[in-house]
PDB file of N, CA and C in Angstrom:
ATOM      1  N   MET A   1      25.213  11.083  28.138  1.00  0.00           N
ATOM      2  CA  MET A   1      24.870  12.169  27.246  1.00  0.00           C
ATOM      3  C   MET A   1      24.910  11.692  25.787  1.00  0.00           C
ATOM      4  N   THR A   2      25.878  10.857  25.470  1.00  0.00           N
ATOM      5  CA  THR A   2      25.991  10.341  24.107  1.00  0.00           C
ATOM      6  C   THR A   2      24.779   9.507  23.743  1.00  0.00           C
ATOM      7  N   PHE A   3      24.236   8.813  24.741  1.00  0.00           N
ATOM      8  CA  PHE A   3      23.037   7.999  24.517  1.00  0.00           C
ATOM      9  C   PHE A   3      21.912   8.850  23.947  1.00  0.00           C
ATOM     10  N   TRP A   4      21.677  10.033  24.532  1.00  0.00           N
ATOM     11  CA  TRP A   4      20.572  10.894  24.098  1.00  0.00           C
ATOM     12  C   TRP A   4      20.871  11.587  22.768  1.00  0.00           C
ATOM     13  N   LEU A   5      22.085  11.560  22.318  1.00  0.00           N
ATOM     14  CA  LEU A   5      22.421  12.097  21.002  1.00  0.00           C
ATOM     15  C   LEU A   5      22.203  11.049  19.910  1.00  0.00           C
ATOM     16  N   ILE A   6      22.411   9.783  20.236  1.00  0.00           N
ATOM     17  CA  ILE A   6      22.353   8.717  19.233  1.00  0.00           C
ATOM     18  C   ILE A   6      20.962   8.090  19.139  1.00  0.00           C
ATOM     19  N   VAL A   7      20.335   7.807  20.266  1.00  0.00           N
ATOM     20  CA  VAL A   7      19.056   7.092  20.276  1.00  0.00           C
ATOM     21  C   VAL A   7      17.955   7.839  19.517  1.00  0.00           C
ATOM     22  N   PRO A   8      17.754   9.141  19.707  1.00  0.00           N
ATOM     23  CA  PRO A   8      16.697   9.819  18.937  1.00  0.00           C
ATOM     24  C   PRO A   8      16.939   9.785  17.427  1.00  0.00           C
ATOM     25  N   LEU A   9      18.192   9.872  17.028  1.00  0.00           N
ATOM     26  CA  LEU A   9      18.499   9.781  15.599  1.00  0.00           C
ATOM     27  C   LEU A   9      18.179   8.398  15.061  1.00  0.00           C
ATOM     28  N   GLY A  10      18.560   7.370  15.796  1.00  0.00           N
ATOM     29  CA  GLY A  10      18.261   5.995  15.378  1.00  0.00           C
ATOM     30  C   GLY A  10      16.772   5.743  15.341  1.00  0.00           C
ATOM     31  N   LEU A  11      16.061   6.216  16.344  1.00  0.00           N
ATOM     32  CA  LEU A  11      14.616   6.047  16.390  1.00  0.00           C
ATOM     33  C   LEU A  11      13.939   6.789  15.242  1.00  0.00           C
ATOM     34  N   SER A  12      14.383   7.987  14.966  1.00  0.00           N
ATOM     35  CA  SER A  12      13.821   8.763  13.853  1.00  0.00           C
ATOM     36  C   SER A  12      14.058   8.057  12.520  1.00  0.00           C
ATOM     37  N   PHE A  13      15.237   7.521  12.332  1.00  0.00           N
ATOM     38  CA  PHE A  13      15.537   6.803  11.098  1.00  0.00           C
ATOM     39  C   PHE A  13      14.667   5.554  10.968  1.00  0.00           C
ATOM     40  N   PHE A  14      14.490   4.837  12.064  1.00  0.00           N
ATOM     41  CA  PHE A  14      13.663   3.627  12.078  1.00  0.00           C
ATOM     42  C   PHE A  14      12.211   3.954  11.729  1.00  0.00           C
ATOM     43  N   VAL A  15      11.667   5.002  12.305  1.00  0.00           N
ATOM     44  CA  VAL A  15      10.281   5.411  12.014  1.00  0.00           C
ATOM     45  C   VAL A  15      10.164   5.875  10.571  1.00  0.00           C
ATOM     46  N   TYR A  16      11.163   6.596  10.071  1.00  0.00           N
ATOM     47  CA  TYR A  16      11.150   7.030   8.677  1.00  0.00           C
ATOM     48  C   TYR A  16      11.111   5.830   7.732  1.00  0.00           C
ATOM     49  N   GLN A  17      11.936   4.829   8.005  1.00  0.00           N
ATOM     50  CA  GLN A  17      11.971   3.629   7.156  1.00  0.00           C
ATOM     51  C   GLN A  17      10.621   2.914   7.178  1.00  0.00           C
ATOM     52  N   MET A  18      10.012   2.809   8.342  1.00  0.00           N
ATOM     53  CA  MET A  18       8.709   2.137   8.447  1.00  0.00           C
ATOM     54  C   MET A  18       7.645   2.894   7.657  1.00  0.00           C
ATOM     55  N   THR A  19       7.619   4.209   7.769  1.00  0.00           N
ATOM     56  CA  THR A  19       6.607   4.981   7.052  1.00  0.00           C
ATOM     57  C   THR A  19       6.866   4.965   5.548  1.00  0.00           C
ATOM     58  N   ALA A  20       8.107   4.950   5.133  1.00  0.00           N
ATOM     59  CA  ALA A  20       8.424   4.878   3.707  1.00  0.00           C
ATOM     60  C   ALA A  20       7.933   3.559   3.118  1.00  0.00           C
ATOM     61  N   GLU A  21       8.164   2.465   3.839  1.00  0.00           N
ATOM     62  CA  GLU A  21       7.684   1.153   3.377  1.00  0.00           C
ATOM     63  C   GLU A  21       6.160   1.127   3.337  1.00  0.00           C
ATOM     64  N   GLN A  22       5.504   1.726   4.324  1.00  0.00           N
ATOM     65  CA  GLN A  22       4.046   1.763   4.369  1.00  0.00           C
ATOM     66  C   GLN A  22       3.482   2.564   3.196  1.00  0.00           C
ATOM     67  N   ARG A  23       4.100   3.691   2.885  1.00  0.00           N
ATOM     68  CA  ARG A  23       3.651   4.493   1.739  1.00  0.00           C
ATOM     69  C   ARG A  23       3.812   3.729   0.438  1.00  0.00           C
ATOM     70  N   GLN A  24       4.913   2.996   0.293  1.00  0.00           N
ATOM     71  CA  GLN A  24       5.133   2.209  -0.917  1.00  0.00           C
ATOM     72  C   GLN A  24       4.083   1.109  -1.038  1.00  0.00           C
ATOM     73  N   LEU A  25       3.776   0.434   0.059  1.00  0.00           N
ATOM     74  CA  LEU A  25       2.746  -0.611   0.033  1.00  0.00           C
ATOM     75  C   LEU A  25       1.374  -0.037  -0.300  1.00  0.00           C
ATOM     76  N   GLN A  26       1.056   1.125   0.237  1.00  0.00           N
ATOM     77  CA  GLN A  26      -0.220   1.759  -0.062  1.00  0.00           C
ATOM     78  C   GLN A  26      -0.296   2.145  -1.540  1.00  0.00           C
ATOM     79  N   TRP A  27       0.812   2.649  -2.093  1.00  0.00           N
ATOM     80  CA  TRP A  27       0.836   3.023  -3.506  1.00  0.00           C
ATOM     81  C   TRP A  27       0.648   1.791  -4.389  1.00  0.00           C
ATOM     82  N   GLN A  28       1.323   0.691  -4.050  1.00  0.00           N
ATOM     83  CA  GLN A  28       1.181  -0.541  -4.824  1.00  0.00           C
ATOM     84  C   GLN A  28      -0.229  -1.098  -4.715  1.00  0.00           C
ATOM     85  N   ASN A  29      -0.818  -1.030  -3.544  1.00  0.00           N
ATOM     86  CA  ASN A  29      -2.179  -1.511  -3.350  1.00  0.00           C
ATOM     87  C   ASN A  29      -3.155  -0.706  -4.201  1.00  0.00           C
ATOM     88  N   GLN A  30      -3.005   0.611  -4.213  1.00  0.00           N
ATOM     89  CA  GLN A  30      -3.881   1.465  -5.022  1.00  0.00           C
ATOM     90  C   GLN A  30      -3.706   1.170  -6.503  1.00  0.00           C
ATOM     91  N   ARG A  31      -2.464   0.958  -6.933  1.00  0.00           N
ATOM     92  CA  ARG A  31      -2.199   0.641  -8.339  1.00  0.00           C
ATOM     93  C   ARG A  31      -2.833  -0.692  -8.726  1.00  0.00           C
ATOM     94  N   LEU A  32      -2.716  -1.700  -7.860  1.00  0.00           N
ATOM     95  CA  LEU A  32      -3.323  -3.000  -8.142  1.00  0.00           C
ATOM     96  C   LEU A  32      -4.840  -2.908  -8.191  1.00  0.00           C
ATOM     97  N   ARG A  33      -5.424  -2.142  -7.289  1.00  0.00           N
ATOM     98  CA  ARG A  33      -6.886  -1.976  -7.297  1.00  0.00           C
ATOM     99  C   ARG A  33      -7.354  -1.290  -8.574  1.00  0.00           C
ATOM    100  N   SER A  34      -6.640  -0.264  -9.014  1.00  0.00           N
ATOM    101  CA  SER A  34      -7.046   0.434 -10.233  1.00  0.00           C
ATOM    102  C   SER A  34      -6.867  -0.461 -11.457  1.00  0.00           C
ATOM    103  N   ASN A  35      -5.810  -1.261 -11.487  1.00  0.00           N
ATOM    104  CA  ASN A  35      -5.627  -2.211 -12.590  1.00  0.00           C
ATOM    105  C   ASN A  35      -6.743  -3.244 -12.610  1.00  0.00           C
ATOM    106  N   LEU A  36      -7.152  -3.699 -11.454  1.00  0.00           N
ATOM    107  CA  LEU A  36      -8.230  -4.674 -11.352  1.00  0.00           C
ATOM    108  C   LEU A  36      -9.531  -4.098 -11.895  1.00  0.00           C
ATOM    109  N   ILE A  37      -9.806  -2.848 -11.579  1.00  0.00           N
ATOM    110  CA  ILE A  37     -11.025  -2.205 -12.064  1.00  0.00           C
ATOM    111  C   ILE A  37     -10.951  -1.977 -13.573  1.00  0.00           C
ATOM    112  N   GLU A  38      -9.792  -1.578 -14.075  1.00  0.00           N
ATOM    113  CA  GLU A  38      -9.634  -1.296 -15.497  1.00  0.00           C
ATOM    114  C   GLU A  38      -9.745  -2.555 -16.356  1.00  0.00           C
ATOM    115  N   GLN A  39      -9.348  -3.693 -15.825  1.00  0.00           N
ATOM    116  CA  GLN A  39      -9.301  -4.919 -16.619  1.00  0.00           C
ATOM    117  C   GLN A  39     -10.633  -5.642 -16.713  1.00  0.00           C
ATOM    118  N   GLY A  40     -11.612  -5.234 -15.985  1.00  0.00           N
ATOM    119  CA  GLY A  40     -12.895  -5.909 -16.094  1.00  0.00           C
ATOM    120  C   GLY A  40     -13.902  -5.377 -15.098  1.00  0.00           C
ATOM    121  N   ALA A  41     -15.141  -5.723 -15.321  1.00  0.00           N
ATOM    122  CA  ALA A  41     -16.216  -5.302 -14.430  1.00  0.00           C
ATOM    123  C   ALA A  41     -16.297  -6.278 -13.256  1.00  0.00           C
ATOM    124  N   PHE A  42     -16.433  -5.740 -12.063  1.00  0.00           N
ATOM    125  CA  PHE A  42     -16.486  -6.566 -10.864  1.00  0.00           C
ATOM    126  C   PHE A  42     -17.709  -6.208 -10.033  1.00  0.00           C
ATOM    127  N   ASP A  43     -18.274  -7.221  -9.417  1.00  0.00           N
ATOM    128  CA  ASP A  43     -19.382  -7.018  -8.501  1.00  0.00           C
ATOM    129  C   ASP A  43     -18.804  -6.522  -7.176  1.00  0.00           C
ATOM    130  N   GLU A  44     -19.277  -5.391  -6.683  1.00  0.00           N
ATOM    131  CA  GLU A  44     -18.725  -4.797  -5.473  1.00  0.00           C
ATOM    132  C   GLU A  44     -18.960  -5.661  -4.234  1.00  0.00           C
ATOM    133  N   GLN A  45     -20.094  -6.350  -4.176  1.00  0.00           N
ATOM    134  CA  GLN A  45     -20.405  -7.145  -2.984  1.00  0.00           C
ATOM    135  C   GLN A  45     -19.572  -8.421  -2.921  1.00  0.00           C
ATOM    136  N   THR A  46     -19.470  -9.122  -4.022  1.00  0.00           N
ATOM    137  CA  THR A  46     -18.766 -10.411  -4.012  1.00  0.00           C
ATOM    138  C   THR A  46     -17.325 -10.314  -4.478  1.00  0.00           C
ATOM    139  N   LYS A  47     -16.955  -9.186  -5.089  1.00  0.00           N
ATOM    140  CA  LYS A  47     -15.616  -8.985  -5.651  1.00  0.00           C
ATOM    141  C   LYS A  47     -15.296 -10.010  -6.749  1.00  0.00           C
ATOM    142  N   LEU A  48     -16.359 -10.476  -7.432  1.00  0.00           N
ATOM    143  CA  LEU A  48     -16.177 -11.422  -8.521  1.00  0.00           C
ATOM    144  C   LEU A  48     -16.417 -10.737  -9.858  1.00  0.00           C
ATOM    145  N   ARG A  49     -15.785 -11.270 -10.897  1.00  0.00           N
ATOM    146  CA  ARG A  49     -15.949 -10.733 -12.230  1.00  0.00           C
ATOM    147  C   ARG A  49     -17.364 -11.026 -12.726  1.00  0.00           C
ATOM    148  N   THR A  50     -17.994 -10.041 -13.362  1.00  0.00           N
ATOM    149  CA  THR A  50     -19.353 -10.230 -13.851  1.00  0.00           C
ATOM    150  C   THR A  50     -19.334 -10.884 -15.221  1.00  0.00           C
ATOM    151  N   MET A  51     -20.471 -11.391 -15.659  1.00  0.00           N
ATOM    152  CA  MET A  51     -20.563 -12.062 -16.953  1.00  0.00           C
ATOM    153  C   MET A  51     -20.345 -11.087 -18.112  1.00  0.00           C
ATOM    154  N   VAL A  52     -20.630  -9.813 -17.925  1.00  0.00           N
ATOM    155  CA  VAL A  52     -20.431  -8.819 -18.983  1.00  0.00           C
ATOM    156  C   VAL A  52     -18.956  -8.754 -19.364  1.00  0.00           C
ATOM    157  N   ALA A  53     -18.082  -8.888 -18.425  1.00  0.00           N
ATOM    158  CA  ALA A  53     -16.646  -8.824 -18.701  1.00  0.00           C
ATOM    159  C   ALA A  53     -16.168 -10.053 -19.457  1.00  0.00           C
ATOM    160  N   MET A  54     -16.870 -11.154 -19.351  1.00  0.00           N
ATOM    161  CA  MET A  54     -16.448 -12.382 -20.022  1.00  0.00           C
ATOM    162  C   MET A  54     -16.781 -12.388 -21.507  1.00  0.00           C
ATOM    163  N   VAL A  55     -17.751 -11.602 -21.920  1.00  0.00           N
ATOM    164  CA  VAL A  55     -18.205 -11.603 -23.299  1.00  0.00           C
ATOM    165  C   VAL A  55     -17.333 -10.751 -24.171  1.00  0.00           C
TER     166      VAL A  55
END
């Protein structure tokens, strides 16, 4: 009986930690993408900086 009291709590905590880390990574990824766009013009197909940004 104690097993069924402890295991669901541990599993819930483990899933919560995984989703929290995933949300943080997604937030950082979005922030990096927006910084990349703000810092210069990029070609969408090649993901390379265009010559306009160099001038």
